[in-house]
Protein backbone atom coordinates (compact mmCIF):
# COMPACT_ATOMS: atom_id res chain seq x y z
CA MET A 1 -48.08 -5.17 34.09
CA SER A 2 -47.64 -2.75 37.00
CA THR A 3 -45.52 -3.34 40.09
CA PHE A 4 -48.65 -3.29 42.20
CA THR A 5 -50.18 -6.11 40.14
CA PHE A 6 -47.03 -8.20 40.45
CA ILE A 7 -46.93 -7.76 44.24
CA ASP A 8 -50.64 -8.58 44.39
CA ALA A 9 -49.98 -11.78 42.43
CA LEU A 10 -47.22 -12.72 44.88
CA VAL A 11 -49.62 -12.24 47.78
CA GLN A 12 -52.17 -14.46 46.10
CA ALA A 13 -49.54 -17.15 45.55
CA VAL A 14 -47.98 -17.31 49.02
CA GLY A 15 -50.20 -15.27 51.34
CA ALA A 16 -50.02 -11.71 52.63
CA ASP A 17 -47.86 -12.66 55.63
CA ALA A 18 -45.20 -14.09 53.30
CA VAL A 19 -44.67 -10.90 51.27
CA GLN A 20 -43.09 -7.75 52.71
CA THR A 21 -42.31 -4.51 50.90
CA GLY A 22 -40.77 -1.13 51.69
CA ASP A 23 -39.97 -0.38 55.32
CA ALA A 24 -41.59 -3.66 56.38
CA ILE A 25 -38.56 -5.56 55.03
CA PRO A 26 -36.12 -6.21 57.92
CA PRO A 27 -32.81 -4.45 57.21
CA ARG A 28 -30.88 -7.71 57.66
CA HIS A 29 -32.29 -8.84 54.30
CA HIS A 30 -30.64 -5.88 52.53
CA THR A 31 -27.16 -7.48 52.59
CA ASP A 32 -25.12 -10.32 54.07
CA TRP A 33 -21.99 -10.73 56.20
CA SER A 34 -19.77 -9.65 53.31
CA GLY A 35 -20.08 -5.97 54.21
CA THR A 36 -21.50 -5.14 50.80
CA ALA A 37 -23.53 -1.92 50.74
CA PRO A 38 -27.18 -2.65 51.63
CA VAL A 39 -29.78 -2.79 48.85
CA ALA A 40 -33.51 -2.72 49.54
CA PRO A 41 -35.30 -5.25 47.30
CA LEU A 42 -38.66 -4.71 45.65
CA ALA A 43 -40.08 -7.33 48.02
CA LEU A 44 -39.06 -9.99 50.51
CA VAL A 45 -40.86 -13.28 49.91
CA ARG A 46 -40.81 -16.09 52.47
CA PRO A 47 -42.46 -19.21 51.03
CA ARG A 48 -43.40 -22.23 53.11
CA SER A 49 -43.09 -25.03 50.54
CA THR A 50 -41.50 -26.09 47.29
CA GLU A 51 -44.84 -25.51 45.57
CA GLN A 52 -44.85 -21.90 46.74
CA VAL A 53 -41.25 -21.41 45.59
CA ALA A 54 -42.24 -22.75 42.17
CA ALA A 55 -45.22 -20.40 42.01
CA VAL A 56 -43.06 -17.40 42.94
CA LEU A 57 -40.41 -18.20 40.34
CA ALA A 58 -43.03 -18.72 37.65
CA LEU A 59 -44.47 -15.29 38.46
CA CYS A 60 -41.03 -13.70 38.38
CA THR A 61 -40.33 -15.22 34.98
CA ALA A 62 -43.68 -14.03 33.64
CA HIS A 63 -43.00 -10.48 34.85
CA ARG A 64 -39.21 -10.51 34.22
CA VAL A 65 -38.41 -9.84 37.89
CA PRO A 66 -34.97 -10.89 39.19
CA VAL A 67 -34.72 -13.30 42.15
CA VAL A 68 -31.98 -13.40 44.79
CA PRO A 69 -32.23 -16.50 47.01
CA GLN A 70 -31.30 -15.89 50.64
CA GLY A 71 -30.36 -18.38 53.34
CA GLY A 72 -28.92 -17.43 56.71
CA LEU A 73 -27.12 -14.39 55.19
CA THR A 74 -23.77 -15.51 56.61
CA GLY A 75 -21.97 -15.47 53.25
CA LEU A 76 -18.77 -13.46 52.88
CA ALA A 77 -18.76 -12.90 49.10
CA GLY A 78 -21.95 -10.86 48.61
CA ALA A 79 -23.93 -13.59 46.85
CA ALA A 80 -27.11 -12.91 48.86
CA VAL A 81 -27.23 -9.13 48.36
CA PRO A 82 -30.58 -8.37 46.67
CA CYS A 83 -31.43 -6.37 43.54
CA ALA A 84 -33.34 -3.11 43.88
CA GLN A 85 -35.78 -4.15 41.15
CA GLY A 86 -36.02 -7.78 42.22
CA ILE A 87 -37.25 -9.91 45.08
CA ALA A 88 -35.26 -11.47 47.91
CA LEU A 89 -36.44 -15.06 48.31
CA SER A 90 -35.84 -16.18 51.87
CA LEU A 91 -35.98 -19.90 52.69
CA ASP A 92 -36.11 -19.37 56.45
CA ARG A 93 -39.65 -20.76 56.81
CA MET A 94 -38.68 -23.99 55.06
CA HIS A 95 -36.63 -25.40 57.94
CA ALA A 96 -38.04 -28.87 58.59
CA ILE A 97 -35.88 -31.92 59.27
CA GLU A 98 -38.08 -34.35 57.38
CA ALA A 99 -36.39 -37.70 58.00
CA VAL A 100 -33.32 -39.31 59.52
CA ASP A 101 -32.44 -42.87 58.52
CA PRO A 102 -29.79 -44.17 60.96
CA LEU A 103 -29.32 -47.46 59.11
CA ALA A 104 -28.80 -45.87 55.72
CA GLY A 105 -26.97 -42.88 57.21
CA THR A 106 -29.07 -40.21 55.51
CA LEU A 107 -30.96 -37.10 56.53
CA THR A 108 -33.59 -35.30 54.46
CA CYS A 109 -34.32 -31.67 55.20
CA GLN A 110 -35.67 -28.48 53.73
CA ALA A 111 -33.16 -25.93 52.54
CA GLY A 112 -33.90 -23.44 55.34
CA ALA A 113 -32.82 -25.86 58.09
CA THR A 114 -29.83 -24.45 59.95
CA LEU A 115 -26.57 -26.36 59.99
CA GLN A 116 -26.91 -26.67 63.76
CA SER A 117 -30.38 -28.22 63.55
CA VAL A 118 -29.06 -30.78 61.07
CA GLN A 119 -26.09 -31.55 63.32
CA GLU A 120 -28.35 -31.99 66.34
CA ALA A 121 -30.71 -34.32 64.45
CA ALA A 122 -27.75 -36.37 63.23
CA ALA A 123 -26.23 -36.52 66.73
CA ALA A 124 -29.53 -37.79 68.16
CA ALA A 125 -29.13 -40.76 65.83
CA GLY A 126 -25.48 -41.31 66.79
CA LEU A 127 -24.26 -39.82 63.52
CA GLN A 128 -22.63 -36.62 62.28
CA LEU A 129 -22.61 -34.40 59.23
CA GLY A 130 -19.16 -34.28 57.70
CA VAL A 131 -18.72 -30.49 57.72
CA ASP A 132 -19.01 -27.73 60.29
CA TRP A 133 -18.41 -23.98 60.39
CA GLY A 134 -18.68 -21.18 62.89
CA ALA A 135 -22.03 -19.72 61.80
CA ARG A 136 -23.76 -23.07 62.39
CA GLY A 137 -26.60 -21.53 64.38
CA SER A 138 -27.75 -19.22 61.57
CA ALA A 139 -26.26 -20.59 58.33
CA GLN A 140 -28.77 -22.64 56.36
CA ILE A 141 -28.16 -25.88 54.53
CA GLY A 142 -29.50 -24.44 51.28
CA GLY A 143 -27.02 -21.58 51.41
CA GLY A 144 -24.22 -23.96 52.30
CA ILE A 145 -25.08 -26.10 49.29
CA ALA A 146 -25.36 -23.08 47.03
CA THR A 147 -21.83 -22.03 48.00
CA ASN A 148 -20.41 -25.56 48.44
CA ALA A 149 -19.37 -24.58 51.96
CA GLY A 150 -16.39 -26.18 53.65
CA GLY A 151 -15.09 -25.22 57.09
CA ASN A 152 -14.06 -27.86 59.59
CA GLY A 153 -14.25 -31.53 58.67
CA VAL A 154 -13.29 -31.07 55.01
CA LEU A 155 -9.93 -32.74 55.61
CA GLN A 156 -11.72 -35.91 56.65
CA PHE A 157 -14.93 -35.93 54.64
CA GLY A 158 -14.65 -33.34 51.86
CA MET A 159 -16.67 -30.20 51.07
CA LEU A 160 -20.44 -30.05 51.45
CA ARG A 161 -20.68 -31.35 47.87
CA GLU A 162 -19.45 -34.72 49.14
CA GLN A 163 -22.22 -34.81 51.76
CA VAL A 164 -25.06 -34.28 49.25
CA LEU A 165 -26.76 -37.40 47.89
CA GLY A 166 -29.81 -35.73 46.41
CA LEU A 167 -31.42 -32.36 45.82
CA GLU A 168 -34.75 -30.83 44.95
CA VAL A 169 -34.31 -27.68 42.87
CA VAL A 170 -36.74 -25.17 41.38
CA LEU A 171 -35.66 -23.63 38.09
CA ALA A 172 -36.29 -20.05 36.98
CA ASP A 173 -39.50 -20.93 35.12
CA GLY A 174 -40.96 -22.67 38.17
CA SER A 175 -40.30 -26.24 37.04
CA VAL A 176 -39.07 -28.62 39.75
CA LEU A 177 -36.19 -31.06 39.44
CA PRO A 178 -36.99 -33.89 41.93
CA MET A 179 -33.49 -35.29 42.44
CA LEU A 180 -33.97 -36.55 46.02
CA ARG A 181 -32.35 -39.91 45.40
CA PRO A 182 -30.42 -41.34 48.38
CA MET A 183 -28.24 -43.81 46.50
CA LEU A 184 -24.47 -43.61 46.59
CA LYS A 185 -24.35 -45.05 43.07
CA ASN A 186 -26.59 -43.60 40.38
CA ASN A 187 -24.78 -43.58 37.05
CA THR A 188 -27.63 -42.38 34.83
CA GLY A 189 -26.22 -39.64 32.65
CA TYR A 190 -25.41 -36.14 33.86
CA ASP A 191 -25.44 -35.85 37.65
CA LEU A 192 -27.53 -32.67 37.56
CA LYS A 193 -27.43 -31.98 41.27
CA HIS A 194 -23.78 -30.96 40.99
CA TRP A 195 -24.68 -28.11 38.64
CA PHE A 196 -26.47 -26.40 41.55
CA ILE A 197 -23.93 -27.12 44.29
CA GLY A 198 -21.66 -24.10 44.38
CA ALA A 199 -23.72 -22.19 41.78
CA GLU A 200 -24.69 -19.52 44.36
CA GLY A 201 -28.33 -19.50 43.30
CA THR A 202 -27.56 -18.43 39.73
CA LEU A 203 -29.14 -21.55 38.17
CA GLY A 204 -32.07 -22.32 40.46
CA VAL A 205 -33.26 -22.51 44.06
CA VAL A 206 -32.35 -25.51 46.25
CA THR A 207 -35.46 -26.38 48.29
CA ARG A 208 -34.70 -29.80 49.84
CA ALA A 209 -31.68 -32.04 50.25
CA VAL A 210 -30.75 -35.63 51.13
CA LEU A 211 -27.51 -35.52 53.09
CA ARG A 212 -25.07 -38.29 53.77
CA LEU A 213 -24.25 -38.81 57.47
CA ARG A 214 -21.22 -40.49 59.02
CA PRO A 215 -20.75 -42.46 62.23
CA ALA A 216 -19.90 -40.15 65.13
CA PRO A 217 -16.62 -41.12 66.81
CA ALA A 218 -16.94 -42.49 70.32
CA ALA A 219 -13.93 -40.47 71.39
CA ARG A 220 -12.18 -37.32 70.23
CA ALA A 221 -8.83 -35.82 71.15
CA THR A 222 -7.77 -32.20 70.65
CA ALA A 223 -4.30 -30.71 70.83
CA LEU A 224 -2.58 -27.40 70.16
CA VAL A 225 0.93 -27.90 68.78
CA ALA A 226 3.68 -25.27 68.51
CA LEU A 227 5.71 -25.55 65.29
CA PRO A 228 8.93 -23.95 64.01
CA THR A 229 8.22 -23.80 60.26
CA PHE A 230 5.50 -24.37 57.68
CA ASP A 231 7.32 -27.42 56.32
CA ALA A 232 7.35 -28.87 59.84
CA ALA A 233 3.58 -28.36 59.94
CA LEU A 234 3.19 -30.43 56.75
CA ALA A 235 5.49 -33.12 58.13
CA LEU A 236 3.45 -33.36 61.33
CA LEU A 237 0.23 -33.60 59.32
CA SER A 238 1.72 -36.49 57.35
CA ARG A 239 2.58 -38.29 60.59
CA LEU A 240 -0.94 -37.76 61.94
CA HIS A 241 -2.48 -39.17 58.76
CA ALA A 242 -0.23 -42.22 59.00
CA ARG A 243 -1.07 -42.86 62.67
CA PHE A 244 -4.80 -42.01 62.43
CA PRO A 245 -5.80 -42.94 58.87
CA GLY A 246 -9.13 -41.39 57.95
CA ALA A 247 -9.59 -40.01 61.48
CA VAL A 248 -7.90 -36.57 61.39
CA SER A 249 -10.92 -34.30 61.33
CA ALA A 250 -9.18 -30.94 61.71
CA TYR A 251 -5.73 -29.48 61.18
CA GLU A 252 -6.01 -25.72 61.62
CA LEU A 253 -2.75 -23.86 61.16
CA MET A 254 -2.29 -20.38 62.64
CA TRP A 255 0.66 -18.09 61.97
CA ARG A 256 1.94 -16.17 65.00
CA ASP A 257 0.30 -12.94 63.84
CA PHE A 258 -3.11 -14.58 64.04
CA VAL A 259 -2.45 -16.22 67.43
CA ALA A 260 -1.23 -12.94 68.94
CA ALA A 261 -4.26 -11.05 67.61
CA SER A 262 -6.68 -13.72 68.83
CA LEU A 263 -5.21 -13.77 72.32
CA SER A 264 -5.29 -9.97 72.53
CA TRP A 265 -8.82 -9.55 71.14
CA GLN A 266 -10.32 -12.24 73.38
CA GLN A 267 -8.13 -11.55 76.43
CA LEU A 268 -6.84 -15.11 76.47
CA ARG A 269 -3.65 -16.41 78.07
CA GLU A 270 -0.66 -17.55 76.03
CA PRO A 271 -1.09 -21.31 75.53
CA PHE A 272 2.67 -21.95 75.78
CA ASP A 273 5.58 -20.59 77.81
CA ALA A 274 6.96 -18.85 74.74
CA ALA A 275 5.66 -17.42 71.47
CA HIS A 276 6.20 -19.71 68.49
CA PRO A 277 6.09 -19.10 64.71
CA PHE A 278 3.12 -21.44 64.11
CA ALA A 279 0.43 -23.25 66.08
CA ALA A 280 -1.65 -26.13 64.77
CA LEU A 281 -4.99 -27.09 66.24
CA VAL A 282 -5.53 -30.82 65.80
CA ASP A 283 -8.67 -32.93 66.19
CA VAL A 284 -8.64 -36.73 65.80
CA GLY A 285 -11.39 -39.27 66.37
CA GLY A 286 -11.29 -42.82 67.70
CA SER A 287 -13.17 -45.56 69.49
CA GLU A 288 -11.78 -45.26 73.02
CA GLU A 289 -10.72 -42.09 74.79
CA GLY A 290 -7.78 -43.40 76.77
CA ALA A 291 -6.18 -45.19 73.84
CA LEU A 292 -6.76 -42.19 71.58
CA GLN A 293 -5.12 -39.78 74.04
CA SER A 294 -2.15 -42.09 74.49
CA ALA A 295 -1.69 -42.48 70.72
CA LEU A 296 -1.82 -38.73 70.17
CA GLU A 297 0.66 -38.13 72.98
CA ALA A 298 3.00 -40.66 71.38
CA VAL A 299 2.84 -39.09 67.93
CA LEU A 300 3.42 -35.61 69.30
CA GLY A 301 6.27 -36.83 71.48
CA GLU A 302 7.94 -38.38 68.44
CA ALA A 303 7.43 -35.14 66.52
CA MET A 304 9.10 -33.16 69.27
CA GLU A 305 12.06 -35.54 69.33
CA ALA A 306 12.38 -35.09 65.56
CA GLY A 307 12.32 -31.30 65.88
CA LEU A 308 9.00 -30.98 64.04
CA ALA A 309 7.13 -29.74 67.12
CA LEU A 310 8.33 -27.33 69.78
CA ASP A 311 5.60 -27.81 72.39
CA ALA A 312 2.12 -29.29 72.68
CA ALA A 313 -0.98 -29.04 74.87
CA ILE A 314 -3.49 -31.90 74.76
CA ALA A 315 -6.97 -31.12 76.05
CA GLN A 316 -7.99 -33.25 79.02
CA SER A 317 -11.68 -32.35 78.87
CA HIS A 318 -14.32 -31.00 76.54
CA ALA A 319 -14.00 -27.61 78.23
CA GLN A 320 -10.25 -27.55 77.56
CA ALA A 321 -10.84 -28.54 73.96
CA ARG A 322 -13.29 -25.66 73.54
CA ALA A 323 -10.77 -23.29 75.08
CA LEU A 324 -8.17 -24.34 72.50
CA TRP A 325 -10.69 -23.96 69.68
CA LYS A 326 -11.56 -20.49 70.91
CA ILE A 327 -8.13 -19.31 69.76
CA ARG A 328 -8.90 -20.41 66.19
CA GLU A 329 -12.45 -19.06 66.24
CA ALA A 330 -11.32 -15.45 66.70
CA THR A 331 -12.57 -14.93 63.15
CA ALA A 332 -15.97 -14.25 64.70
CA VAL A 333 -14.66 -11.00 66.21
CA LEU A 334 -12.60 -9.84 63.23
CA PRO A 335 -15.14 -7.14 62.27
CA GLU A 336 -14.88 -5.66 65.76
CA HIS A 337 -11.11 -5.23 65.60
CA MET A 338 -10.34 -4.56 61.93
CA HIS A 339 -11.81 -1.48 60.28
CA PRO A 340 -13.00 -3.14 58.16
CA PRO A 341 -11.39 -6.54 57.56
CA ILE A 342 -10.30 -7.33 54.00
CA ASN A 343 -10.90 -11.07 53.88
CA PHE A 344 -9.29 -13.61 51.59
CA ASP A 345 -10.21 -17.27 51.18
CA VAL A 346 -7.77 -18.93 48.80
CA SER A 347 -6.58 -22.44 48.07
CA LEU A 348 -3.17 -23.54 46.88
CA PRO A 349 -1.09 -26.66 46.43
CA LEU A 350 -0.13 -27.75 49.94
CA ALA A 351 3.60 -27.46 49.42
CA ASP A 352 3.25 -23.85 48.22
CA ILE A 353 1.15 -22.40 51.03
CA GLY A 354 4.10 -21.35 53.20
CA ARG A 355 5.91 -19.69 50.31
CA PHE A 356 2.71 -17.99 49.18
CA ALA A 357 2.15 -16.55 52.68
CA ASP A 358 5.75 -15.25 52.76
CA ALA A 359 5.37 -13.69 49.31
CA CYS A 360 2.11 -12.01 50.26
CA ARG A 361 3.53 -10.64 53.48
CA ALA A 362 6.61 -9.29 51.70
CA ALA A 363 4.55 -7.63 48.96
CA LEU A 364 2.14 -6.07 51.46
CA THR A 365 5.00 -4.78 53.61
CA ALA A 366 6.75 -3.26 50.60
CA ARG A 367 3.60 -1.30 49.69
CA TRP A 368 2.17 -0.65 53.16
CA PRO A 369 4.89 -1.03 55.84
CA ALA A 370 2.36 -0.61 58.68
CA HIS A 371 -0.16 -3.16 57.41
CA HIS A 372 -1.75 -5.56 59.91
CA THR A 373 -2.44 -8.89 58.24
CA VAL A 374 -3.12 -12.23 59.89
CA PHE A 375 -2.68 -15.66 58.28
CA PHE A 376 -4.60 -18.79 59.26
CA GLY A 377 -6.56 -21.60 57.67
CA HIS A 378 -7.59 -25.17 57.36
CA VAL A 379 -4.32 -25.78 55.45
CA GLY A 380 -4.64 -29.58 55.64
CA ASP A 381 -7.07 -29.29 52.74
CA GLY A 382 -5.10 -26.51 51.03
CA ASN A 383 -7.30 -23.65 52.26
CA LEU A 384 -5.56 -20.51 53.53
CA HIS A 385 -7.30 -17.44 54.92
CA LEU A 386 -5.67 -14.07 55.35
CA THR A 387 -7.23 -10.88 56.60
CA THR A 388 -5.87 -7.35 56.38
CA ASP A 389 -7.05 -4.43 58.50
CA ALA A 390 -8.16 -1.84 55.90
CA SER A 391 -7.30 1.02 58.27
CA THR A 392 -3.60 -0.02 58.14
CA VAL A 393 -3.40 0.13 54.32
CA SER A 394 -4.92 3.61 53.90
CA GLY A 395 -8.25 2.03 53.04
CA GLU A 396 -6.93 0.79 49.69
CA GLU A 397 -9.03 -2.35 49.66
CA HIS A 398 -9.00 -2.91 45.90
CA ALA A 399 -5.23 -2.45 45.71
CA VAL A 400 -4.78 -5.05 48.45
CA GLU A 401 -7.08 -7.46 46.62
CA ALA A 402 -5.21 -6.97 43.34
CA LEU A 403 -1.88 -7.61 45.07
CA VAL A 404 -3.01 -10.78 46.85
CA TYR A 405 -4.76 -12.24 43.81
CA GLU A 406 -1.68 -11.52 41.70
CA GLN A 407 0.18 -13.80 44.08
CA VAL A 408 -2.58 -16.40 43.83
CA ALA A 409 -2.14 -16.41 40.07
CA ALA A 410 1.61 -16.72 40.37
CA PHE A 411 1.21 -19.82 42.57
CA HIS A 412 -1.56 -21.29 40.35
CA GLY A 413 -4.11 -21.23 43.16
CA SER A 414 -7.83 -20.50 43.46
CA VAL A 415 -9.30 -17.13 44.50
CA SER A 416 -12.00 -18.93 46.46
CA ALA A 417 -11.61 -22.12 48.46
CA GLU A 418 -14.99 -22.20 50.20
CA HIS A 419 -16.71 -18.79 50.33
CA GLY A 420 -17.76 -18.60 46.68
CA ILE A 421 -17.49 -15.74 44.19
CA GLY A 422 -20.63 -13.62 44.67
CA LEU A 423 -19.91 -9.96 44.00
CA HIS A 424 -16.61 -9.55 45.81
CA LYS A 425 -14.49 -11.99 43.81
CA LYS A 426 -16.19 -11.63 40.44
CA PRO A 427 -13.49 -9.28 39.07
CA TYR A 428 -10.84 -11.92 39.86
CA LEU A 429 -12.58 -15.11 38.68
CA ALA A 430 -10.42 -15.21 35.55
CA VAL A 431 -7.38 -15.75 37.81
CA SER A 432 -8.65 -19.28 38.46
CA ARG A 433 -10.76 -20.03 35.34
CA THR A 434 -9.74 -20.09 31.70
CA PRO A 435 -11.79 -18.34 28.98
CA ALA A 436 -13.01 -21.75 27.79
CA GLU A 437 -14.19 -22.67 31.29
CA LEU A 438 -15.99 -19.35 31.69
CA ALA A 439 -17.66 -19.83 28.31
CA ALA A 440 -18.91 -23.27 29.38
CA MET A 441 -20.25 -21.82 32.64
CA ARG A 442 -22.09 -19.09 30.76
CA ALA A 443 -23.57 -21.69 28.39
CA VAL A 444 -25.01 -23.59 31.35
CA LYS A 445 -26.40 -20.36 32.82
CA GLN A 446 -28.06 -19.38 29.54
CA ALA A 447 -29.56 -22.83 29.11
CA LEU A 448 -31.20 -22.96 32.56
CA ASP A 449 -31.84 -19.23 33.08
CA PRO A 450 -32.15 -17.64 29.61
CA LEU A 451 -33.67 -14.42 31.01
CA ASN A 452 -30.86 -14.03 33.56
CA LEU A 453 -33.28 -13.67 36.47
CA MET A 454 -31.60 -15.97 38.98
CA ASN A 455 -29.21 -13.97 41.16
CA PRO A 456 -28.12 -11.82 38.21
CA GLY A 457 -24.71 -10.17 38.33
CA LYS A 458 -23.26 -12.73 40.75
CA VAL A 459 -20.27 -14.98 39.93
CA PHE A 460 -19.90 -13.55 36.40
CA ASP A 461 -21.66 -11.27 33.95
CA LEU A 462 -23.34 -12.64 30.84
């Protein structure tokens, strides 16, 4: 059947205003934040309901047309980059917050709802979603589920996977899996929803979700702590966990190279009287502000007496807390100051992160003495980010990637902690997965998507 007939069938299924082709497709739908070269899809389709998603996928299966699901396009691994001979399926019109149950602590929404809209709906009920990340205003819940996003809050509540109670998913042939069950306990065979969390749209399209919410703390305290060594950073984290069990929501560690770059890029003042090797941004929650502040001051004072901390600044207001967080959130301006940034998102055993960072820095310096690389990350949950300015390594992006992932393999870590695999990390997936694991993943893919139409070429090749 001709391309024209297929497009005509799409229009009949979802309406003319929901199908765009050629120059009518906004350029933002040609790629994502990963920096992958833009690709113009055959069509951009923007359905309004699960039924329309099902109709579109059934048509694509009938005509053997690939489908690339797109959320907020904030991914950093290239998973949402379309295929030239396929459609880009945008969920941006499916953005409803359908229900919030304060007593059960659940929220039901469509996949196109932004993270921020979910957070605001939860906050209105006195609750919170357990994860947060910088692109909250544009990132969509469906995309976050598809990549099992992490960000802030993982230390306390786990990845987005741990916030998902139920899903509605449309398979490649248009059939719908209605798994919107809000129970914490449901031990009835395979928990199918987990197959689609982190699958990056390669097995089906997430259309709706039931999310687990948590009580919002009545008080929150934020501090920036100067540290002498990585081991001291781990020791301080252990003390914080002991003093605030289950209430440490963030422990963001920044090496000096990152702090210096952040202050320079954003024209911020030095937070301390002297430069220090490490700085940790700490968030803890509690029931009463005064008591929480006093407890945090006491823990940090004890840490300083023990030589684990060199200095500390505790925010006295929300504005001061935001100012401290601004240092960490310099990642938003990385593309403006690195040309381009070569981003890494790895996870390692906690005790090895410091040694891994030292080994990476030494290897990079030996090969490219003038390299500019910054180290930072959530660290409390084992997640380290590092970013190298490509212009300082002669533009040898692939050589840098090979070097860093060689170190990841040596330390038995993961090439992706929270950003997914997509296109960018596909060549290195075998660093973190055995041949048997990859074979099992391919078997699942072939069972649910035998024609390889769902986001083909992402994560791995069949």
